[in-house]
């Protein structure tokens, strides 16, 4: 019984930490997305091809992290699952030798899904829309 209580205390602590300090897993994923998507926008696919596995692993870590209170839980879980699938498909497609044009379509879709999470999955900020992370697009 003590082990269960300690686990619950640890989980509550993790969830509280996620709410109090921002969502570090989102920030980690954003780092990999930004470092791979923006060069691809300009025709440089090398960073994406080199970081696809890290992009996928950071998406999985984000999916497993507690969802902060300022996000809609159901929508966020569903959209994160979609994002994980998209970046996994990117990593697998790169290993199979996907061409740049098809790769750009895939990363662009994943980028749109990322923006859905940081925009539409946020709870209403009182102005009729979710807040945004300031990603700059």
N, C-alpha and C. Protein backbone atom coordinates (compact mmCIF):
# COMPACT_ATOMS: atom_id res chain seq x y z
N UNK A 1 0.82 -1.19 0.00
CA UNK A 1 0.00 0.00 0.00
C UNK A 1 0.87 1.26 0.00
N UNK A 2 1.99 1.23 0.73
CA UNK A 2 2.87 2.39 0.75
C UNK A 2 3.44 2.67 -0.64
N UNK A 3 3.75 1.60 -1.39
CA UNK A 3 4.30 1.80 -2.74
C UNK A 3 3.30 2.51 -3.63
N UNK A 4 2.03 2.13 -3.54
CA UNK A 4 1.00 2.78 -4.35
C UNK A 4 0.89 4.25 -3.98
N UNK A 5 0.93 4.55 -2.70
CA UNK A 5 0.84 5.94 -2.26
C UNK A 5 2.04 6.74 -2.77
N UNK A 6 3.24 6.16 -2.71
CA UNK A 6 4.43 6.85 -3.20
C UNK A 6 4.35 7.09 -4.71
N UNK A 7 3.84 6.11 -5.43
CA UNK A 7 3.68 6.26 -6.88
C UNK A 7 2.70 7.38 -7.18
N UNK A 8 1.58 7.41 -6.46
CA UNK A 8 0.59 8.47 -6.67
C UNK A 8 1.17 9.84 -6.35
N UNK A 9 1.92 9.94 -5.27
CA UNK A 9 2.56 11.21 -4.91
C UNK A 9 3.53 11.64 -6.00
N UNK A 10 4.31 10.69 -6.53
CA UNK A 10 5.26 11.00 -7.59
C UNK A 10 4.54 11.47 -8.85
N UNK A 11 3.45 10.80 -9.21
CA UNK A 11 2.69 11.18 -10.40
C UNK A 11 2.06 12.56 -10.24
N UNK A 12 1.51 12.83 -9.07
CA UNK A 12 0.94 14.15 -8.82
C UNK A 12 2.04 15.21 -8.90
N UNK A 13 3.20 14.89 -8.36
CA UNK A 13 4.34 15.81 -8.44
C UNK A 13 4.76 16.08 -9.87
N UNK A 14 4.79 15.03 -10.70
CA UNK A 14 5.13 15.21 -12.12
C UNK A 14 4.10 16.08 -12.81
N UNK A 15 2.84 15.82 -12.56
CA UNK A 15 1.77 16.59 -13.21
C UNK A 15 1.83 18.05 -12.76
N UNK A 16 2.06 18.26 -11.48
CA UNK A 16 2.15 19.62 -10.96
C UNK A 16 3.36 20.34 -11.55
N UNK A 17 4.46 19.63 -11.64
CA UNK A 17 5.67 20.22 -12.24
C UNK A 17 5.44 20.59 -13.68
N UNK A 18 4.71 19.76 -14.41
CA UNK A 18 4.43 20.05 -15.82
C UNK A 18 3.59 21.32 -15.92
N UNK A 19 2.66 21.51 -14.99
CA UNK A 19 1.81 22.69 -15.04
C UNK A 19 2.56 23.94 -14.61
N UNK A 20 3.39 23.82 -13.60
CA UNK A 20 4.05 24.99 -13.03
C UNK A 20 5.20 25.49 -13.89
N UNK A 21 5.89 24.61 -14.58
CA UNK A 21 7.10 25.01 -15.28
C UNK A 21 6.95 24.98 -16.80
N UNK A 22 5.75 24.90 -17.31
CA UNK A 22 5.57 24.77 -18.74
C UNK A 22 5.68 23.31 -19.13
N UNK A 23 5.54 23.05 -20.39
CA UNK A 23 5.53 21.67 -20.86
C UNK A 23 6.84 21.41 -21.56
N UNK A 24 7.84 20.92 -20.80
CA UNK A 24 9.19 20.77 -21.34
C UNK A 24 9.23 19.81 -22.52
N UNK A 25 8.38 18.80 -22.54
CA UNK A 25 8.37 17.86 -23.65
C UNK A 25 7.90 18.53 -24.94
N UNK A 26 6.97 19.47 -24.81
CA UNK A 26 6.56 20.27 -25.97
C UNK A 26 7.76 21.07 -26.47
N UNK A 27 8.48 21.71 -25.56
CA UNK A 27 9.65 22.51 -25.94
C UNK A 27 10.72 21.66 -26.61
N UNK A 28 10.94 20.45 -26.08
CA UNK A 28 11.94 19.56 -26.68
C UNK A 28 11.54 19.17 -28.10
N UNK A 29 10.26 18.81 -28.28
CA UNK A 29 9.79 18.45 -29.61
C UNK A 29 9.90 19.66 -30.54
N UNK A 30 9.50 20.81 -30.06
CA UNK A 30 9.55 22.03 -30.87
C UNK A 30 10.97 22.29 -31.37
N UNK A 31 11.94 22.05 -30.52
CA UNK A 31 13.34 22.22 -30.91
C UNK A 31 13.67 21.36 -32.14
N UNK A 32 13.34 20.08 -32.09
CA UNK A 32 13.62 19.19 -33.22
C UNK A 32 12.78 19.54 -34.44
N UNK A 33 11.53 19.91 -34.22
CA UNK A 33 10.67 20.28 -35.35
C UNK A 33 11.24 21.52 -36.04
N UNK A 34 11.57 22.52 -35.27
CA UNK A 34 12.09 23.77 -35.82
C UNK A 34 13.40 23.53 -36.58
N UNK A 35 14.29 22.74 -35.97
CA UNK A 35 15.60 22.49 -36.58
C UNK A 35 15.53 21.63 -37.85
N UNK A 36 14.42 20.96 -38.05
CA UNK A 36 14.30 20.11 -39.24
C UNK A 36 13.31 20.69 -40.26
N UNK A 37 12.22 21.26 -39.80
CA UNK A 37 11.20 21.79 -40.71
C UNK A 37 11.66 23.04 -41.46
N UNK A 38 12.20 24.00 -40.73
CA UNK A 38 12.56 25.27 -41.37
C UNK A 38 13.63 25.12 -42.46
N UNK A 39 14.67 24.33 -42.25
CA UNK A 39 15.60 24.09 -43.36
C UNK A 39 14.92 23.41 -44.55
N UNK A 40 14.00 22.47 -44.27
CA UNK A 40 13.29 21.79 -45.36
C UNK A 40 12.44 22.78 -46.17
N UNK A 41 11.87 23.77 -45.47
CA UNK A 41 11.11 24.81 -46.18
C UNK A 41 11.99 25.51 -47.23
N UNK A 42 13.27 25.58 -46.94
CA UNK A 42 14.23 26.26 -47.83
C UNK A 42 14.99 25.28 -48.72
N UNK A 43 14.51 24.02 -48.78
CA UNK A 43 15.11 23.05 -49.68
C UNK A 43 16.28 22.25 -49.11
N UNK A 44 16.57 22.42 -47.81
CA UNK A 44 17.67 21.67 -47.17
C UNK A 44 17.05 20.56 -46.31
N UNK A 45 17.12 19.34 -46.83
CA UNK A 45 16.50 18.21 -46.14
C UNK A 45 17.47 17.43 -45.26
N UNK A 46 18.73 17.82 -45.28
CA UNK A 46 19.73 17.10 -44.49
C UNK A 46 19.40 17.11 -42.99
N UNK A 47 19.07 18.26 -42.39
CA UNK A 47 18.74 18.23 -40.96
C UNK A 47 17.56 17.31 -40.64
N UNK A 48 16.53 17.33 -41.47
CA UNK A 48 15.37 16.45 -41.24
C UNK A 48 15.78 15.00 -41.35
N UNK A 49 16.54 14.68 -42.37
CA UNK A 49 16.97 13.29 -42.56
C UNK A 49 17.85 12.83 -41.39
N UNK A 50 18.65 13.73 -40.84
CA UNK A 50 19.54 13.37 -39.72
C UNK A 50 18.81 13.34 -38.37
N UNK A 51 17.76 14.13 -38.23
CA UNK A 51 17.09 14.27 -36.93
C UNK A 51 15.74 13.57 -36.85
N UNK A 52 15.37 12.82 -37.86
CA UNK A 52 14.04 12.20 -37.89
C UNK A 52 13.82 11.27 -36.71
N UNK A 53 14.83 10.48 -36.34
CA UNK A 53 14.68 9.58 -35.19
C UNK A 53 14.51 10.37 -33.89
N UNK A 54 15.26 11.46 -33.74
CA UNK A 54 15.13 12.30 -32.55
C UNK A 54 13.78 12.99 -32.51
N UNK A 55 13.30 13.40 -33.68
CA UNK A 55 11.97 14.01 -33.77
C UNK A 55 10.91 13.01 -33.30
N UNK A 56 11.03 11.78 -33.75
CA UNK A 56 10.09 10.74 -33.34
C UNK A 56 10.19 10.45 -31.84
N UNK A 57 11.40 10.26 -31.34
CA UNK A 57 11.55 9.95 -29.91
C UNK A 57 11.06 11.09 -29.03
N UNK A 58 11.27 12.33 -29.46
CA UNK A 58 10.78 13.45 -28.66
C UNK A 58 9.26 13.53 -28.71
N UNK A 59 8.65 13.12 -29.82
CA UNK A 59 7.19 13.08 -29.91
C UNK A 59 6.63 12.02 -28.97
N UNK A 60 7.28 10.87 -28.91
CA UNK A 60 6.83 9.80 -28.00
C UNK A 60 6.96 10.27 -26.55
N UNK A 61 8.07 10.90 -26.21
CA UNK A 61 8.25 11.41 -24.84
C UNK A 61 7.17 12.44 -24.51
N UNK A 62 6.84 13.27 -25.47
CA UNK A 62 5.79 14.28 -25.27
C UNK A 62 4.45 13.60 -25.05
N UNK A 63 4.17 12.58 -25.83
CA UNK A 63 2.90 11.85 -25.70
C UNK A 63 2.77 11.19 -24.33
N UNK A 64 3.87 10.74 -23.77
CA UNK A 64 3.85 10.04 -22.48
C UNK A 64 3.83 10.99 -21.28
N UNK A 65 4.10 12.25 -21.52
CA UNK A 65 4.16 13.23 -20.42
C UNK A 65 2.76 13.62 -19.95
N UNK A 66 2.64 14.02 -18.69
CA UNK A 66 1.35 14.51 -18.20
C UNK A 66 0.92 15.75 -18.98
N UNK A 67 -0.37 15.84 -19.26
CA UNK A 67 -0.91 16.98 -20.01
C UNK A 67 -1.21 18.10 -19.01
N UNK A 68 -0.65 19.28 -19.24
CA UNK A 68 -0.91 20.40 -18.33
C UNK A 68 -2.39 20.78 -18.31
N UNK A 69 -2.80 21.41 -17.23
CA UNK A 69 -4.21 21.76 -17.02
C UNK A 69 -4.75 22.74 -18.05
N UNK A 70 -3.87 23.49 -18.72
CA UNK A 70 -4.37 24.48 -19.68
C UNK A 70 -4.55 23.91 -21.08
N UNK A 71 -4.50 22.58 -21.20
CA UNK A 71 -4.76 21.89 -22.47
C UNK A 71 -6.01 21.03 -22.32
N UNK A 72 -6.76 20.90 -23.40
CA UNK A 72 -7.93 20.02 -23.44
C UNK A 72 -7.41 18.59 -23.53
N UNK A 73 -7.67 17.80 -22.51
CA UNK A 73 -7.06 16.48 -22.41
C UNK A 73 -7.39 15.57 -23.58
N UNK A 74 -8.67 15.41 -23.91
CA UNK A 74 -9.07 14.47 -24.96
C UNK A 74 -8.48 14.87 -26.31
N UNK A 75 -8.65 16.13 -26.69
CA UNK A 75 -8.16 16.61 -27.98
C UNK A 75 -6.64 16.53 -28.05
N UNK A 76 -5.97 16.85 -26.95
CA UNK A 76 -4.51 16.83 -26.92
C UNK A 76 -4.01 15.40 -27.09
N UNK A 77 -4.61 14.45 -26.36
CA UNK A 77 -4.19 13.04 -26.49
C UNK A 77 -4.37 12.56 -27.92
N UNK A 78 -5.52 12.87 -28.51
CA UNK A 78 -5.80 12.41 -29.88
C UNK A 78 -4.83 13.03 -30.88
N UNK A 79 -4.56 14.31 -30.74
CA UNK A 79 -3.70 14.99 -31.69
C UNK A 79 -2.24 14.59 -31.50
N UNK A 80 -1.83 14.37 -30.26
CA UNK A 80 -0.47 13.87 -30.01
C UNK A 80 -0.28 12.48 -30.62
N UNK A 81 -1.30 11.64 -30.52
CA UNK A 81 -1.22 10.30 -31.12
C UNK A 81 -1.05 10.41 -32.64
N UNK A 82 -1.79 11.34 -33.24
CA UNK A 82 -1.65 11.57 -34.68
C UNK A 82 -0.23 12.05 -35.01
N UNK A 83 0.27 12.98 -34.23
CA UNK A 83 1.62 13.52 -34.45
C UNK A 83 2.68 12.43 -34.34
N UNK A 84 2.57 11.60 -33.32
CA UNK A 84 3.53 10.50 -33.15
C UNK A 84 3.51 9.60 -34.39
N UNK A 85 2.32 9.28 -34.88
CA UNK A 85 2.21 8.46 -36.08
C UNK A 85 2.85 9.13 -37.29
N UNK A 86 2.64 10.43 -37.41
CA UNK A 86 3.21 11.16 -38.55
C UNK A 86 4.73 11.18 -38.52
N UNK A 87 5.32 11.47 -37.35
CA UNK A 87 6.78 11.55 -37.31
C UNK A 87 7.42 10.16 -37.36
N UNK A 88 6.71 9.15 -36.88
CA UNK A 88 7.21 7.77 -37.03
C UNK A 88 7.25 7.41 -38.52
N UNK A 89 6.20 7.78 -39.24
CA UNK A 89 6.15 7.50 -40.68
C UNK A 89 7.27 8.24 -41.41
N UNK A 90 7.59 9.45 -40.97
CA UNK A 90 8.69 10.21 -41.57
C UNK A 90 10.01 9.46 -41.38
N UNK A 91 10.27 9.04 -40.14
CA UNK A 91 11.52 8.33 -39.86
C UNK A 91 11.63 7.05 -40.68
N UNK A 92 10.52 6.33 -40.80
CA UNK A 92 10.52 5.08 -41.58
C UNK A 92 10.69 5.37 -43.07
N UNK A 93 10.05 6.41 -43.57
CA UNK A 93 10.15 6.75 -44.99
C UNK A 93 11.57 7.17 -45.36
N UNK A 94 12.23 7.87 -44.46
CA UNK A 94 13.62 8.28 -44.72
C UNK A 94 14.50 7.05 -44.84
N UNK A 95 14.29 6.08 -43.97
CA UNK A 95 15.08 4.84 -44.04
C UNK A 95 14.85 4.09 -45.35
N UNK A 96 13.67 4.30 -45.95
CA UNK A 96 13.34 3.62 -47.21
C UNK A 96 13.72 4.45 -48.43
N UNK A 97 14.30 5.65 -48.23
CA UNK A 97 14.78 6.45 -49.33
C UNK A 97 13.76 7.37 -49.98
N UNK A 98 12.82 7.90 -49.20
CA UNK A 98 11.80 8.80 -49.73
C UNK A 98 12.44 10.01 -50.42
N UNK A 99 11.80 10.50 -51.49
CA UNK A 99 12.31 11.69 -52.17
C UNK A 99 11.92 12.95 -51.40
N UNK A 100 12.62 14.04 -51.70
CA UNK A 100 12.44 15.29 -50.95
C UNK A 100 11.02 15.85 -51.05
N UNK A 101 10.42 15.78 -52.22
CA UNK A 101 9.07 16.36 -52.39
C UNK A 101 8.05 15.64 -51.48
N UNK A 102 8.08 14.32 -51.49
CA UNK A 102 7.17 13.56 -50.63
C UNK A 102 7.51 13.77 -49.15
N UNK A 103 8.80 13.88 -48.85
CA UNK A 103 9.22 14.12 -47.48
C UNK A 103 8.71 15.47 -46.98
N UNK A 104 8.74 16.48 -47.85
CA UNK A 104 8.25 17.79 -47.45
C UNK A 104 6.75 17.74 -47.14
N UNK A 105 6.00 17.03 -47.93
CA UNK A 105 4.56 16.89 -47.66
C UNK A 105 4.35 16.28 -46.28
N UNK A 106 5.13 15.27 -45.95
CA UNK A 106 4.99 14.60 -44.65
C UNK A 106 5.36 15.52 -43.49
N UNK A 107 6.49 16.23 -43.59
CA UNK A 107 6.91 17.10 -42.48
C UNK A 107 5.98 18.30 -42.37
N UNK A 108 5.46 18.77 -43.48
CA UNK A 108 4.51 19.87 -43.46
C UNK A 108 3.22 19.46 -42.73
N UNK A 109 2.75 18.25 -42.98
CA UNK A 109 1.56 17.75 -42.28
C UNK A 109 1.83 17.63 -40.78
N UNK A 110 3.00 17.11 -40.41
CA UNK A 110 3.36 16.98 -39.00
C UNK A 110 3.47 18.36 -38.35
N UNK A 111 4.01 19.31 -39.08
CA UNK A 111 4.13 20.68 -38.58
C UNK A 111 2.74 21.27 -38.32
N UNK A 112 1.80 21.03 -39.23
CA UNK A 112 0.43 21.50 -39.03
C UNK A 112 -0.20 20.85 -37.80
N UNK A 113 0.06 19.56 -37.60
CA UNK A 113 -0.47 18.86 -36.42
C UNK A 113 0.12 19.45 -35.14
N UNK A 114 1.41 19.75 -35.17
CA UNK A 114 2.06 20.39 -34.02
C UNK A 114 1.34 21.70 -33.69
N UNK A 115 1.06 22.50 -34.71
CA UNK A 115 0.38 23.77 -34.47
C UNK A 115 -1.04 23.59 -33.95
N UNK A 116 -1.68 22.52 -34.34
CA UNK A 116 -3.02 22.25 -33.81
C UNK A 116 -2.92 22.03 -32.30
N UNK A 117 -1.91 21.31 -31.86
CA UNK A 117 -1.75 21.05 -30.43
C UNK A 117 -1.50 22.35 -29.67
N UNK A 118 -0.55 23.16 -30.13
CA UNK A 118 -0.21 24.36 -29.37
C UNK A 118 -1.23 25.48 -29.55
N UNK A 119 -2.15 25.31 -30.49
CA UNK A 119 -3.19 26.31 -30.71
C UNK A 119 -4.55 25.81 -30.28
N UNK A 120 -5.15 24.94 -31.09
CA UNK A 120 -6.53 24.50 -30.86
C UNK A 120 -6.71 23.62 -29.63
N UNK A 121 -5.68 22.93 -29.20
CA UNK A 121 -5.83 22.04 -28.03
C UNK A 121 -5.68 22.79 -26.71
N UNK A 122 -5.25 24.03 -26.77
CA UNK A 122 -5.19 24.83 -25.56
C UNK A 122 -6.61 25.20 -25.15
N UNK A 123 -6.84 25.30 -23.85
CA UNK A 123 -8.15 25.72 -23.37
C UNK A 123 -8.35 27.19 -23.70
N UNK A 124 -9.60 27.59 -23.80
CA UNK A 124 -9.96 28.96 -24.14
C UNK A 124 -9.30 29.93 -23.18
N UNK A 125 -8.69 30.96 -23.74
CA UNK A 125 -7.98 31.94 -22.90
C UNK A 125 -8.86 33.13 -22.51
N UNK A 126 -10.17 33.02 -22.80
CA UNK A 126 -11.08 34.10 -22.45
C UNK A 126 -11.33 35.06 -23.58
N UNK A 127 -10.63 34.88 -24.70
CA UNK A 127 -10.80 35.74 -25.87
C UNK A 127 -11.38 34.97 -27.04
N UNK A 128 -11.93 33.78 -26.77
CA UNK A 128 -12.57 33.02 -27.81
C UNK A 128 -11.64 32.10 -28.58
N UNK A 129 -10.39 31.97 -28.15
CA UNK A 129 -9.47 31.05 -28.81
C UNK A 129 -8.40 30.60 -27.85
N UNK A 130 -7.78 29.49 -28.20
CA UNK A 130 -6.67 29.00 -27.38
C UNK A 130 -5.47 29.89 -27.56
N UNK A 131 -4.59 29.90 -26.58
CA UNK A 131 -3.38 30.69 -26.72
C UNK A 131 -2.38 29.94 -27.59
N UNK A 132 -1.32 30.59 -27.97
CA UNK A 132 -0.34 30.03 -28.89
C UNK A 132 1.04 30.16 -28.26
N UNK A 133 1.95 29.32 -28.72
CA UNK A 133 3.28 29.30 -28.10
C UNK A 133 4.21 30.34 -28.69
N UNK A 134 3.75 31.14 -29.64
CA UNK A 134 4.61 32.16 -30.23
C UNK A 134 5.58 31.58 -31.23
N UNK A 135 5.23 30.48 -31.86
CA UNK A 135 6.12 29.80 -32.79
C UNK A 135 6.49 30.67 -33.99
N UNK A 136 5.62 31.62 -34.34
CA UNK A 136 6.00 32.60 -35.34
C UNK A 136 5.54 32.31 -36.76
N UNK A 137 4.53 31.47 -36.93
CA UNK A 137 4.03 31.24 -38.29
C UNK A 137 2.63 31.78 -38.40
